Amino acid sequence: MKQPVGHYAYESRDREFLQERIAEFEDQVKRRLSGALSEEEFKPLRLMNGIYLQVHAYMLRVAIPYGILDSRQLRKLAHVARRYDRGYGHFTTRQNIQFNWISLEDAPAILRDLAEADMHAIQTSGNCIRNITSDEYAGAARDELMDPRVHAEILRQWSTLHPEFTFLPRKFKIAISGSPEDRVAARFHDIGLLARPSENGPLFRVFVGGGLGRTPVVGQELFDSVPEAELLATLEATLRVYNAYGRRDNLYRARIKILVQTIGIEPFREAVKAELAKMDLSHYRLTPERVAAIRARFAAPELHAVDDADAVLAQHQKEDPAFARWMQSNTHPHFDEGYSIATVSLKTPGDIPGDVTAEQMDGLADIAERFAFSELRVTHLQNIVLGHVRKDQLYALWQGLKELNLAAPNIGLAGDIVSCPGLDYCTLANARSLPLARKLGARFGDARLQEEIGALSINISGCINACGHHHAGHIGILGVDKRGSEFYQILLGGQAGDRASIGAILGPALSEDDAVAAIARMIDHYLAHRNEQESFLEMVTRLGKAPFKEVAYETV
């Protein structure tokens, strides 16, 4: 098998392990269906294999380690959607994909089908280290300091079925980026890593104790410059401290952010240092040879830019304003002058954010094979990135996306809405997220309006668990239950990145239609009163929430 571009190539032992895992789970499913296992006994077993019991059916969450897919894997996901689900899948904010309508009887067969394409559902659920997320532009962006994918793979191998960390007090999320700006929301993770090169090798800035959910917290710096050789030991020590002292008596107080808040960052840091002092660091040392061995399992694309690529691209933009608008919002500079990074929006106005049909998956696989070395990346904002596209081929790529109804020019704009599945599927949700997301997507779907508004993130969660990252949106929306009815609380001023902040609650919760109208009035107020070149978030920062609250509730 030809080694796929962009992500770690499996070896025979990887595939043998998956088959053993599936056989074990198949026996567990048979015992559950026969009644030999109760649901309570079966629950931790199914969660270790990515199976949730939701409102209408079982849901399977499939892992996409650090967001990297190849076209054969995407075709396999299309097959699962078509054969075992209702013809679509939902890409999540953890760079995974969910299938919401599977039957438990089919679960082992689905996992076998996925294993044929080197895919699985490990680290997608349960109180373990979850799927490692990373920068969707990794290894392609012109502004990148270093490619984080090799270290993301090292962390995946270290954390998978780690005997000490399979049953942590709560789920644990790690993100890593090698860009000069934080593109992975590192400060909103249990551990966030920002990698950079140095004369003596890679260094890692480590943040700890971040997270959203019931208690949103911006993570604090644990260490500024952890050398590559000490990275695994440092993370191991951090997890050991959490595993030893994290609360297990209260589900809502069990995350590492609560532990860090309770004892303080300095005592936590000292506890990690004390744990490191007790460890035999030789067992964890990342030598250059070990890193090189992992790097060798990745294949780099063979780039062959053409001399007139820029001229061809400029002509296409001149002749087609719609394409020029898409180029402005949906591309990012590539390290090679003849190439570009293209983002495929999964937020077509009026559609469900993150949902992709089996036909669209197959179509995207075709496009990736034709234009992007068969490689795709899932983003934590529920879109798809094609990392290496020749500039003279961008117009043809865009035309292919139009045929799939996936050419919305809205990345980073008001239509690029992030949303969890909400009460339509999730048993934890208090309100539906998807109908509100569709209404907002339609309300701000016009490309010219979005261009006029400029940078704006809208994030929706159906409950306090914040799978839609509502605290981190410039405008955040939280579904709540008010005496049996669905209402929506609006938050203002959140953001991820280097200046991470948590959105503030604007006022009382509103009905679905009132929430849409209130957000529209706030955006209209911004357009009418902004300073020249001032973004929505900059205006909120300058004026505070008071003027926005006044217009939001003026007719309520």
Protein backbone atom coordinates (compact mmCIF):
# COMPACT_ATOMS: atom_id res chain seq x y z
CA MET A 1 0.00 0.00 0.00
CA LYS A 2 1.33 3.43 -0.96
CA GLN A 3 2.07 5.54 2.08
CA PRO A 4 -0.59 8.27 2.39
CA VAL A 5 0.51 11.89 2.38
CA GLY A 6 0.10 13.90 5.57
CA HIS A 7 -0.40 11.35 8.33
CA TYR A 8 1.18 8.40 10.02
CA ALA A 9 1.29 5.20 7.96
CA TYR A 10 0.10 2.11 9.83
CA GLU A 11 2.28 -0.94 10.29
CA SER A 12 1.10 -4.56 10.49
CA ARG A 13 1.13 -4.47 14.29
CA ASP A 14 -1.23 -1.47 14.25
CA ARG A 15 -3.71 -3.41 12.11
CA GLU A 16 -3.38 -6.56 14.23
CA PHE A 17 -4.14 -4.52 17.33
CA LEU A 18 -7.33 -3.09 15.77
CA GLN A 19 -8.57 -6.57 14.81
CA GLU A 20 -7.97 -7.85 18.35
CA ARG A 21 -9.80 -4.85 19.75
CA ILE A 22 -12.78 -5.36 17.45
CA ALA A 23 -13.03 -9.07 18.28
CA GLU A 24 -13.06 -8.24 21.97
CA PHE A 25 -15.79 -5.63 21.50
CA GLU A 26 -17.86 -7.93 19.29
CA ASP A 27 -18.03 -10.43 22.15
CA GLN A 28 -19.08 -7.63 24.53
CA VAL A 29 -21.86 -6.56 22.12
CA LYS A 30 -23.14 -10.15 21.85
CA ARG A 31 -23.27 -10.41 25.64
CA ARG A 32 -25.14 -7.11 25.88
CA LEU A 33 -27.68 -8.15 23.25
CA SER A 34 -28.23 -11.50 24.96
CA GLY A 35 -28.76 -9.82 28.32
CA ALA A 36 -25.63 -11.29 29.88
CA LEU A 37 -24.40 -7.72 30.37
CA SER A 38 -26.65 -4.99 31.74
CA GLU A 39 -26.55 -1.49 30.24
CA GLU A 40 -24.72 -0.28 33.35
CA GLU A 41 -22.07 -2.98 32.91
CA PHE A 42 -21.85 -2.42 29.16
CA LYS A 43 -21.61 1.38 29.25
CA PRO A 44 -17.88 1.72 30.08
CA LEU A 45 -17.08 -0.96 27.49
CA ARG A 46 -18.99 0.73 24.67
CA LEU A 47 -17.56 4.13 25.58
CA MET A 48 -14.06 2.74 25.16
CA ASN A 49 -15.12 1.92 21.60
CA GLY A 50 -16.76 5.23 20.72
CA ILE A 51 -20.39 4.15 21.20
CA TYR A 52 -22.90 6.50 22.87
CA LEU A 53 -26.58 5.89 23.56
CA GLN A 54 -28.39 9.03 22.42
CA VAL A 55 -31.99 10.24 22.13
CA HIS A 56 -33.07 8.13 19.16
CA ALA A 57 -30.32 5.58 18.56
CA TYR A 58 -26.72 4.68 19.26
CA MET A 59 -24.06 7.10 18.03
CA LEU A 60 -20.59 6.10 16.86
CA ARG A 61 -17.79 8.65 17.10
CA VAL A 62 -14.86 7.83 14.84
CA ALA A 63 -11.39 9.12 15.64
CA ILE A 64 -9.52 11.29 13.15
CA PRO A 65 -6.16 11.72 14.92
CA TYR A 66 -5.02 15.36 14.69
CA GLY A 67 -7.63 15.82 11.97
CA ILE A 68 -5.78 14.13 9.08
CA LEU A 69 -7.65 12.00 6.54
CA ASP A 70 -6.80 10.59 3.14
CA SER A 71 -9.29 10.08 0.33
CA ARG A 72 -9.65 6.32 0.86
CA GLN A 73 -10.58 6.95 4.49
CA LEU A 74 -13.13 9.58 3.53
CA ARG A 75 -14.66 7.12 1.05
CA LYS A 76 -14.87 4.58 3.86
CA LEU A 77 -16.70 7.12 6.01
CA ALA A 78 -19.09 7.71 3.10
CA HIS A 79 -19.66 3.95 2.97
CA VAL A 80 -20.48 3.85 6.69
CA ALA A 81 -22.89 6.78 6.29
CA ARG A 82 -24.61 5.14 3.35
CA ARG A 83 -24.81 1.56 4.64
CA TYR A 84 -25.22 1.92 8.39
CA ASP A 85 -26.55 5.45 9.01
CA ARG A 86 -28.95 7.79 7.20
CA GLY A 87 -26.57 8.95 4.52
CA TYR A 88 -24.51 11.56 6.36
CA GLY A 89 -22.00 12.17 9.14
CA HIS A 90 -21.30 15.08 11.46
CA PHE A 91 -17.79 16.50 11.87
CA THR A 92 -17.14 17.66 15.43
CA THR A 93 -15.09 20.27 17.27
CA ARG A 94 -12.65 17.50 18.30
CA GLN A 95 -11.72 16.84 14.64
CA ASN A 96 -13.71 13.60 14.72
CA ILE A 97 -16.86 12.45 12.91
CA GLN A 98 -20.10 11.15 14.42
CA PHE A 99 -22.75 8.83 12.98
CA ASN A 100 -25.98 9.39 14.86
CA TRP A 101 -28.26 6.60 13.66
CA ILE A 102 -26.40 3.30 13.97
CA SER A 103 -27.69 0.08 15.53
CA LEU A 104 -25.68 -1.68 18.21
CA GLU A 105 -25.81 -4.92 16.24
CA ASP A 106 -23.93 -3.24 13.39
CA ALA A 107 -21.19 -1.67 15.55
CA PRO A 108 -18.58 -4.47 15.21
CA ALA A 109 -19.11 -4.64 11.44
CA ILE A 110 -18.68 -0.87 11.17
CA LEU A 111 -15.45 -1.02 13.14
CA ARG A 112 -14.18 -3.78 10.85
CA ASP A 113 -15.03 -1.73 7.78
CA LEU A 114 -13.23 1.26 9.28
CA ALA A 115 -10.18 -0.84 10.16
CA GLU A 116 -9.81 -1.68 6.46
CA ALA A 117 -8.90 1.99 6.02
CA ASP A 118 -6.78 2.19 9.21
CA MET A 119 -9.51 3.93 11.20
CA HIS A 120 -10.99 3.28 14.63
CA ALA A 121 -13.02 4.81 17.47
CA ILE A 122 -10.38 4.70 20.21
CA GLN A 123 -9.96 7.83 22.37
CA THR A 124 -13.29 9.30 21.28
CA SER A 125 -15.15 8.81 24.55
CA GLY A 126 -14.75 7.83 28.19
CA ASN A 127 -12.53 9.25 30.92
CA CYS A 128 -9.31 8.86 29.00
CA ILE A 129 -6.98 11.09 26.98
CA ARG A 130 -9.17 11.98 24.02
CA ASN A 131 -8.22 12.42 20.37
CA ILE A 132 -5.19 14.74 20.12
CA THR A 133 -6.11 17.80 18.05
CA SER A 134 -3.77 19.95 16.02
CA ASP A 135 -3.45 22.85 13.59
CA GLU A 136 -5.34 22.18 10.35
CA TYR A 137 -2.65 24.09 8.41
CA ALA A 138 0.17 21.95 9.85
CA GLY A 139 3.02 21.29 7.46
CA ALA A 140 1.62 23.66 4.85
CA ALA A 141 1.27 27.19 6.25
CA ARG A 142 3.81 29.85 5.32
CA ASP A 143 3.72 31.32 8.82
CA GLU A 144 4.28 28.01 10.61
CA LEU A 145 7.19 27.79 13.05
CA MET A 146 7.33 23.99 13.04
CA ASP A 147 5.14 21.11 11.94
CA PRO A 148 3.34 19.70 15.03
CA ARG A 149 2.00 16.52 13.41
CA VAL A 150 4.96 14.32 14.29
CA HIS A 151 4.64 15.23 17.95
CA ALA A 152 0.86 14.87 17.77
CA GLU A 153 1.44 11.29 16.59
CA ILE A 154 3.96 10.69 19.36
CA LEU A 155 1.39 11.89 21.89
CA ARG A 156 -1.25 9.66 20.30
CA GLN A 157 0.94 6.59 20.63
CA TRP A 158 1.94 7.50 24.19
CA SER A 159 -1.64 8.09 25.30
CA THR A 160 -3.48 5.27 23.53
CA LEU A 161 -4.61 2.74 26.16
CA HIS A 162 -2.07 4.12 28.62
CA PRO A 163 -2.50 1.83 31.65
CA GLU A 164 -2.44 4.69 34.17
CA PHE A 165 -4.72 7.02 32.25
CA THR A 166 -7.54 4.82 30.92
CA PHE A 167 -9.81 5.70 33.85
CA LEU A 168 -9.02 9.28 34.74
CA PRO A 169 -11.30 11.35 36.99
CA ARG A 170 -12.78 12.85 33.78
CA LYS A 171 -12.07 13.10 30.07
CA PHE A 172 -8.81 14.80 29.15
CA LYS A 173 -8.13 16.90 26.05
CA ILE A 174 -4.78 17.87 24.53
CA ALA A 175 -4.11 20.20 21.57
CA ILE A 176 -0.82 21.09 19.88
CA SER A 177 0.13 23.79 17.40
CA GLY A 178 3.35 24.95 15.80
CA SER A 179 2.10 28.24 14.43
CA PRO A 180 3.01 31.74 15.66
CA GLU A 181 -0.64 32.28 16.59
CA ASP A 182 -2.68 29.77 18.56
CA ARG A 183 -4.87 28.06 15.93
CA VAL A 184 -5.99 25.20 18.21
CA ALA A 185 -7.51 27.04 21.20
CA ALA A 186 -4.65 25.68 23.32
CA ARG A 187 -5.66 27.73 26.37
CA PHE A 188 -9.08 26.06 26.44
CA HIS A 189 -7.66 22.54 26.78
CA ASP A 190 -6.68 20.44 29.76
CA ILE A 191 -3.19 20.65 28.27
CA GLY A 192 -2.36 22.98 25.41
CA LEU A 193 1.00 22.86 23.66
CA LEU A 194 2.56 25.55 21.49
CA ALA A 195 5.68 24.27 19.75
CA ARG A 196 8.55 26.31 18.38
CA PRO A 197 12.05 25.56 17.06
CA SER A 198 15.29 26.59 18.74
CA GLU A 199 19.00 26.13 18.14
CA ASN A 200 18.91 23.11 20.44
CA GLY A 201 15.77 21.53 19.05
CA PRO A 202 12.01 21.97 19.53
CA LEU A 203 10.65 23.66 22.64
CA PHE A 204 7.10 23.45 23.98
CA ARG A 205 5.12 26.04 25.87
CA VAL A 206 2.72 24.12 28.10
CA PHE A 207 -0.65 25.43 29.29
CA VAL A 208 -2.70 23.51 31.83
CA GLY A 209 -6.16 23.69 33.37
CA GLY A 210 -8.11 25.28 30.55
CA GLY A 211 -11.57 24.22 29.47
CA LEU A 212 -15.13 25.25 28.75
CA GLY A 213 -18.26 23.53 30.02
CA ARG A 214 -19.93 24.28 33.32
CA THR A 215 -16.85 26.13 34.63
CA PRO A 216 -15.10 27.90 31.72
CA VAL A 217 -11.45 28.62 32.47
CA VAL A 218 -8.55 30.02 30.45
CA GLY A 219 -5.56 27.74 30.95
CA GLN A 220 -2.43 28.96 32.72
CA GLU A 221 1.17 28.55 31.67
CA LEU A 222 2.76 25.56 33.40
CA PHE A 223 6.15 25.71 31.66
CA ASP A 224 7.49 28.07 29.00
CA SER A 225 10.21 26.00 27.34
CA VAL A 226 10.02 22.22 27.76
CA PRO A 227 12.73 20.59 25.59
CA GLU A 228 11.63 17.91 23.14
CA ALA A 229 13.51 15.23 25.07
CA GLU A 230 11.45 15.96 28.19
CA LEU A 231 8.02 16.41 26.60
CA LEU A 232 6.57 12.97 27.37
CA ALA A 233 7.96 12.93 30.89
CA THR A 234 6.44 16.35 31.59
CA LEU A 235 3.02 15.30 30.33
CA GLU A 236 3.23 11.99 32.17
CA ALA A 237 4.01 13.80 35.43
CA THR A 238 1.17 16.28 34.85
CA LEU A 239 -1.31 13.46 34.27
CA ARG A 240 -0.07 11.59 37.33
CA VAL A 241 -0.68 14.60 39.55
CA TYR A 242 -4.18 14.97 38.12
CA ASN A 243 -4.90 11.25 38.42
CA ALA A 244 -3.79 11.25 42.05
CA TYR A 245 -5.50 14.43 43.25
CA GLY A 246 -8.35 15.08 40.80
CA ARG A 247 -11.77 14.68 42.40
CA ARG A 248 -13.73 11.51 41.72
CA ASP A 249 -16.60 12.18 44.12
CA ASN A 250 -18.19 14.96 42.07
CA LEU A 251 -18.61 14.72 38.29
CA TYR A 252 -18.79 18.50 37.96
CA ARG A 253 -15.60 19.12 39.95
CA ALA A 254 -13.47 16.38 38.41
CA ARG A 255 -11.68 18.17 35.54
CA ILE A 256 -8.03 19.21 35.91
CA LYS A 257 -9.08 22.87 35.66
CA ILE A 258 -10.84 22.53 39.04
CA LEU A 259 -7.74 20.99 40.59
CA VAL A 260 -5.51 23.78 39.27
CA GLN A 261 -7.98 26.42 40.44
CA THR A 262 -8.31 24.84 43.87
CA ILE A 263 -4.62 24.49 44.73
CA GLY A 264 -3.21 27.25 42.49
CA ILE A 265 -0.87 27.09 39.53
CA GLU A 266 2.34 27.39 41.56
CA PRO A 267 1.58 24.47 43.93
CA PHE A 268 0.44 22.45 40.92
CA ARG A 269 3.69 23.24 39.11
CA GLU A 270 5.69 22.17 42.16
CA ALA A 271 3.72 18.93 42.36
CA VAL A 272 4.57 18.19 38.71
CA LYS A 273 8.25 18.94 39.36
CA ALA A 274 8.18 16.62 42.41
CA GLU A 275 6.66 13.86 40.29
CA LEU A 276 9.33 14.38 37.64
CA ALA A 277 12.02 14.05 40.29
CA LYS A 278 10.71 10.59 41.20
CA MET A 279 10.57 9.31 37.62
CA ASP A 280 13.23 7.43 35.68
CA LEU A 281 13.35 9.92 32.82
CA SER A 282 15.28 7.55 30.57
CA HIS A 283 12.03 5.64 29.98
CA TYR A 284 10.37 8.75 28.57
CA ARG A 285 13.20 10.57 26.83
CA LEU A 286 12.40 11.56 23.26
CA THR A 287 15.71 11.16 21.45
CA PRO A 288 16.25 12.62 17.99
CA GLU A 289 16.37 9.05 16.67
CA ARG A 290 12.94 8.22 18.08
CA VAL A 291 11.44 11.38 16.65
CA ALA A 292 13.08 10.71 13.29
CA ALA A 293 11.60 7.21 13.25
CA ILE A 294 8.09 8.61 13.65
CA ARG A 295 8.76 11.34 11.10
CA ALA A 296 9.79 8.66 8.60
CA ARG A 297 6.26 7.23 8.81
CA PHE A 298 4.89 10.42 7.25
CA ALA A 299 5.02 11.14 3.52
CA ALA A 300 5.52 14.66 2.21
CA PRO A 301 3.80 15.82 -0.99
CA GLU A 302 5.94 16.26 -4.09
CA LEU A 303 5.17 19.85 -5.02
CA HIS A 304 5.55 20.92 -8.64
CA ALA A 305 4.38 24.50 -9.10
CA VAL A 306 4.06 25.92 -12.62
CA ASP A 307 5.63 29.20 -13.63
CA ASP A 308 2.42 31.02 -14.58
CA ALA A 309 0.31 29.82 -11.60
CA ASP A 310 -0.08 33.32 -10.14
CA ALA A 311 -1.04 34.81 -13.51
CA VAL A 312 -3.63 32.07 -14.14
CA LEU A 313 -5.11 32.56 -10.66
CA ALA A 314 -5.25 36.35 -11.06
CA GLN A 315 -7.07 35.99 -14.38
CA HIS A 316 -9.66 33.64 -12.87
CA GLN A 317 -10.27 36.08 -10.01
CA LYS A 318 -10.64 38.99 -12.41
CA GLU A 319 -13.14 37.13 -14.59
CA ASP A 320 -15.24 35.68 -11.72
CA PRO A 321 -15.97 37.93 -8.69
CA ALA A 322 -17.66 35.06 -6.83
CA PHE A 323 -14.45 33.04 -7.06
CA ALA A 324 -12.42 36.07 -5.96
CA ARG A 325 -14.62 36.41 -2.87
CA TRP A 326 -14.12 32.72 -2.03
CA MET A 327 -10.36 33.13 -2.46
CA GLN A 328 -10.35 36.03 -0.02
CA SER A 329 -12.08 34.15 2.79
CA ASN A 330 -11.30 30.48 2.17
CA THR A 331 -7.57 30.36 1.42
CA HIS A 332 -4.39 30.76 3.45
CA PRO A 333 -0.79 31.33 2.28
CA HIS A 334 1.22 28.17 1.60
CA PHE A 335 4.95 27.88 2.25
CA ASP A 336 5.41 27.25 -1.48
CA GLU A 337 4.64 30.36 -3.57
CA GLY A 338 3.00 28.23 -6.25
CA TYR A 339 0.49 26.62 -3.87
CA SER A 340 -2.30 27.66 -1.54
CA ILE A 341 -4.20 26.18 1.39
CA ALA A 342 -7.93 25.92 0.68
CA THR A 343 -10.66 25.57 3.30
CA VAL A 344 -13.92 23.89 2.35
CA SER A 345 -16.79 25.37 4.33
CA LEU A 346 -19.22 22.82 5.76
CA LYS A 347 -21.53 25.76 6.58
CA THR A 348 -23.59 26.24 3.43
CA PRO A 349 -26.22 28.87 4.35
CA GLY A 350 -29.29 27.21 5.84
CA ASP A 351 -27.66 23.78 6.20
CA ILE A 352 -26.53 22.05 9.39
CA PRO A 353 -22.96 23.06 10.38
CA GLY A 354 -20.55 20.16 10.14
CA ASP A 355 -22.93 17.76 8.40
CA VAL A 356 -21.70 16.11 5.19
CA THR A 357 -23.63 13.65 3.06
CA ALA A 358 -22.13 10.42 1.74
CA GLU A 359 -22.27 11.88 -1.77
CA GLN A 360 -20.39 14.98 -0.63
CA MET A 361 -17.77 12.83 1.10
CA ASP A 362 -17.20 10.88 -2.09
CA GLY A 363 -17.06 14.12 -4.04
CA LEU A 364 -14.53 15.63 -1.62
CA ALA A 365 -12.43 12.46 -1.92
CA ASP A 366 -12.44 12.92 -5.71
CA ILE A 367 -11.41 16.57 -5.34
CA ALA A 368 -8.64 15.70 -2.87
CA GLU A 369 -7.26 13.09 -5.26
CA ARG A 370 -7.36 15.49 -8.18
CA PHE A 371 -6.04 18.64 -6.53
CA ALA A 372 -4.55 17.94 -3.06
CA PHE A 373 -2.47 14.75 -3.04
CA SER A 374 -5.48 12.78 -1.66
CA GLU A 375 -5.12 14.53 1.71
CA LEU A 376 -7.77 16.31 3.79
CA ARG A 377 -7.78 17.86 7.27
CA VAL A 378 -10.77 18.21 9.57
CA THR A 379 -10.74 21.46 11.57
CA HIS A 380 -11.89 22.04 15.15
CA LEU A 381 -14.29 24.60 13.62
CA GLN A 382 -16.08 21.85 11.65
CA ASN A 383 -14.66 22.52 8.19
CA ILE A 384 -12.31 20.66 5.83
CA VAL A 385 -8.89 21.89 4.68
CA LEU A 386 -7.04 20.88 1.53
CA GLY A 387 -3.46 21.63 2.47
CA HIS A 388 -1.59 21.68 -0.84
CA VAL A 389 -3.45 23.05 -3.87
CA ARG A 390 -1.64 24.47 -6.88
CA LYS A 391 -2.72 28.06 -7.48
CA ASP A 392 -3.58 27.56 -11.15
CA GLN A 393 -5.95 24.72 -10.11
CA LEU A 394 -7.89 26.62 -7.45
CA TYR A 395 -10.59 27.75 -9.88
CA ALA A 396 -11.29 24.19 -11.01
CA LEU A 397 -11.33 23.08 -7.38
CA TRP A 398 -13.85 25.81 -6.52
CA GLN A 399 -16.06 24.78 -9.43
CA GLY A 400 -16.01 21.22 -8.11
CA LEU A 401 -17.00 22.45 -4.67
CA LYS A 402 -19.91 24.39 -6.18
CA GLU A 403 -21.24 21.17 -7.69
CA LEU A 404 -21.18 19.65 -4.18
CA ASN A 405 -22.87 22.74 -2.67
CA LEU A 406 -19.74 23.26 -0.54
CA ALA A 407 -18.40 26.54 -1.94
CA ALA A 408 -19.67 29.02 0.65
CA PRO A 409 -17.17 31.92 0.95
CA ASN A 410 -17.56 32.34 4.70
CA ILE A 411 -14.53 31.05 6.61
CA GLY A 412 -14.08 33.22 9.71
CA LEU A 413 -17.24 35.16 8.88
CA ALA A 414 -20.76 35.26 10.31
CA GLY A 415 -21.91 32.23 8.31
CA ASP A 416 -19.10 30.02 9.62
CA ILE A 417 -21.22 28.92 12.57
CA VAL A 418 -19.98 26.26 14.99
CA SER A 419 -22.69 24.09 16.54
CA CYS A 420 -23.09 20.89 18.51
CA PRO A 421 -25.89 18.43 17.57
CA GLY A 422 -28.01 19.60 20.53
CA LEU A 423 -31.29 18.13 21.68
CA ASP A 424 -32.05 16.64 18.27
CA TYR A 425 -29.63 13.87 19.23
CA CYS A 426 -27.86 14.40 22.56
CA THR A 427 -29.37 13.18 25.83
CA LEU A 428 -27.44 15.87 27.76
CA ALA A 429 -28.81 18.82 25.80
CA ASN A 430 -31.42 21.26 27.09
CA ALA A 431 -32.29 22.78 23.73
CA ARG A 432 -31.88 22.16 20.03
CA SER A 433 -28.85 23.80 18.41
CA LEU A 434 -29.32 22.87 14.77
CA PRO A 435 -32.56 24.75 13.92
CA LEU A 436 -31.10 27.93 15.42
CA ALA A 437 -27.84 27.42 13.52
CA ARG A 438 -29.76 27.00 10.27
CA LYS A 439 -31.80 30.16 10.89
CA LEU A 440 -28.70 32.19 11.67
CA GLY A 441 -26.90 30.69 8.67
CA ALA A 442 -29.76 31.72 6.41
CA ARG A 443 -30.07 35.17 8.04
CA PHE A 444 -26.40 35.97 7.43
CA GLY A 445 -25.87 33.76 4.41
CA ASP A 446 -25.45 36.52 1.85
CA ALA A 447 -21.77 36.66 0.87
CA ARG A 448 -21.70 40.44 0.45
CA LEU A 449 -23.27 40.98 3.88
CA GLN A 450 -20.74 38.67 5.51
CA GLU A 451 -17.92 40.48 3.75
CA GLU A 452 -19.27 43.80 5.04
CA ILE A 453 -19.53 42.47 8.62
CA GLY A 454 -16.03 41.02 8.55
CA ALA A 455 -14.49 38.67 11.10
CA LEU A 456 -17.17 37.25 13.41
CA SER A 457 -17.52 33.88 15.13
CA ILE A 458 -20.90 32.52 16.26
CA ASN A 459 -20.83 29.39 18.42
CA ILE A 460 -23.86 27.41 19.64
CA SER A 461 -24.10 24.76 22.38
CA GLY A 462 -27.26 22.93 23.37
CA CYS A 463 -26.13 22.56 26.98
CA ILE A 464 -23.58 23.72 29.50
CA ASN A 465 -21.10 21.04 28.41
CA ALA A 466 -20.15 23.46 25.61
CA CYS A 467 -19.40 21.06 22.76
CA GLY A 468 -20.15 24.03 20.47
CA HIS A 469 -17.58 26.16 22.35
CA HIS A 470 -20.11 28.91 22.98
CA HIS A 471 -17.88 30.58 25.59
CA ALA A 472 -15.20 31.12 22.92
CA GLY A 473 -17.41 32.72 20.28
CA HIS A 474 -17.49 36.45 19.62
CA ILE A 475 -21.21 35.74 19.93
CA GLY A 476 -21.95 32.63 21.95
CA ILE A 477 -25.33 30.96 22.34
CA LEU A 478 -26.24 28.48 25.07
CA GLY A 479 -29.44 26.44 24.99
CA VAL A 480 -31.27 26.34 28.33
CA ASP A 481 -34.49 24.86 29.63
CA LYS A 482 -37.05 27.29 31.06
CA ARG A 483 -39.99 25.45 32.57
CA GLY A 484 -39.93 22.82 29.85
CA SER A 485 -39.37 25.22 26.94
CA GLU A 486 -36.22 25.79 24.90
CA PHE A 487 -34.56 29.17 25.34
CA TYR A 488 -31.19 30.62 24.40
CA GLN A 489 -28.74 32.62 26.46
CA ILE A 490 -26.49 35.00 24.48
CA LEU A 491 -22.85 35.57 25.43
CA LEU A 492 -20.64 38.32 24.07
CA GLY A 493 -16.90 38.85 23.68
CA GLY A 494 -15.37 35.37 23.81
CA GLN A 495 -12.40 34.32 21.72
CA ALA A 496 -9.82 31.56 21.44
CA GLY A 497 -6.23 32.12 20.39
CA ASP A 498 -3.46 34.09 22.04
CA ARG A 499 -5.90 36.49 23.72
CA ALA A 500 -8.29 33.81 24.89
CA SER A 501 -11.26 35.15 26.82
CA ILE A 502 -14.63 33.86 27.98
CA GLY A 503 -17.81 35.46 26.69
CA ALA A 504 -19.98 37.34 29.17
CA ILE A 505 -23.70 36.61 29.50
CA LEU A 506 -25.64 39.43 27.86
CA GLY A 507 -28.97 39.09 29.64
CA PRO A 508 -32.04 36.86 30.09
CA ALA A 509 -32.48 33.87 27.80
CA LEU A 510 -34.61 34.37 24.68
CA SER A 511 -36.79 32.21 22.49
CA GLU A 512 -35.26 30.91 19.26
CA ASP A 513 -36.74 33.59 17.00
CA ASP A 514 -36.06 36.35 19.51
CA ALA A 515 -32.43 35.23 19.77
CA VAL A 516 -32.00 35.44 15.99
CA ALA A 517 -33.59 38.90 15.96
CA ALA A 518 -31.44 40.09 18.89
CA ILE A 519 -28.23 38.96 17.21
CA ALA A 520 -29.29 40.66 13.99
CA ARG A 521 -29.87 43.93 15.85
CA MET A 522 -26.47 43.70 17.54
CA ILE A 523 -24.75 43.21 14.20
CA ASP A 524 -26.75 46.05 12.65
CA HIS A 525 -25.65 48.25 15.57
CA TYR A 526 -22.05 47.30 14.93
CA LEU A 527 -22.29 48.12 11.22
CA ALA A 528 -23.88 51.49 11.97
CA HIS A 529 -21.49 52.64 14.70
CA ARG A 530 -18.11 50.96 14.21
CA ASN A 531 -14.92 52.88 13.78
CA GLU A 532 -13.09 52.54 10.48
CA GLN A 533 -11.57 49.04 10.09
CA GLU A 534 -12.83 48.06 13.56
CA SER A 535 -13.90 44.43 13.90
CA PHE A 536 -16.97 43.31 15.82
CA LEU A 537 -14.84 41.94 18.67
CA GLU A 538 -12.76 45.11 18.81
CA MET A 539 -15.91 47.18 19.15
CA VAL A 540 -17.20 44.92 21.93
CA THR A 541 -13.85 45.25 23.69
CA ARG A 542 -13.88 49.03 23.34
CA LEU A 543 -17.49 49.67 24.42
CA GLY A 544 -18.33 46.69 26.59
CA LYS A 545 -21.58 44.78 26.38
CA ALA A 546 -23.96 47.55 27.54
CA PRO A 547 -24.78 49.11 24.13
CA PHE A 548 -25.21 45.68 22.58
CA LYS A 549 -27.48 44.56 25.40
CA GLU A 550 -29.61 47.67 24.91
CA VAL A 551 -30.26 46.97 21.23
CA ALA A 552 -30.56 43.19 21.73
CA TYR A 553 -33.43 43.54 24.21
CA GLU A 554 -35.09 46.69 22.86
CA THR A 555 -38.28 44.88 21.79
CA VAL A 556 -38.27 42.05 24.34
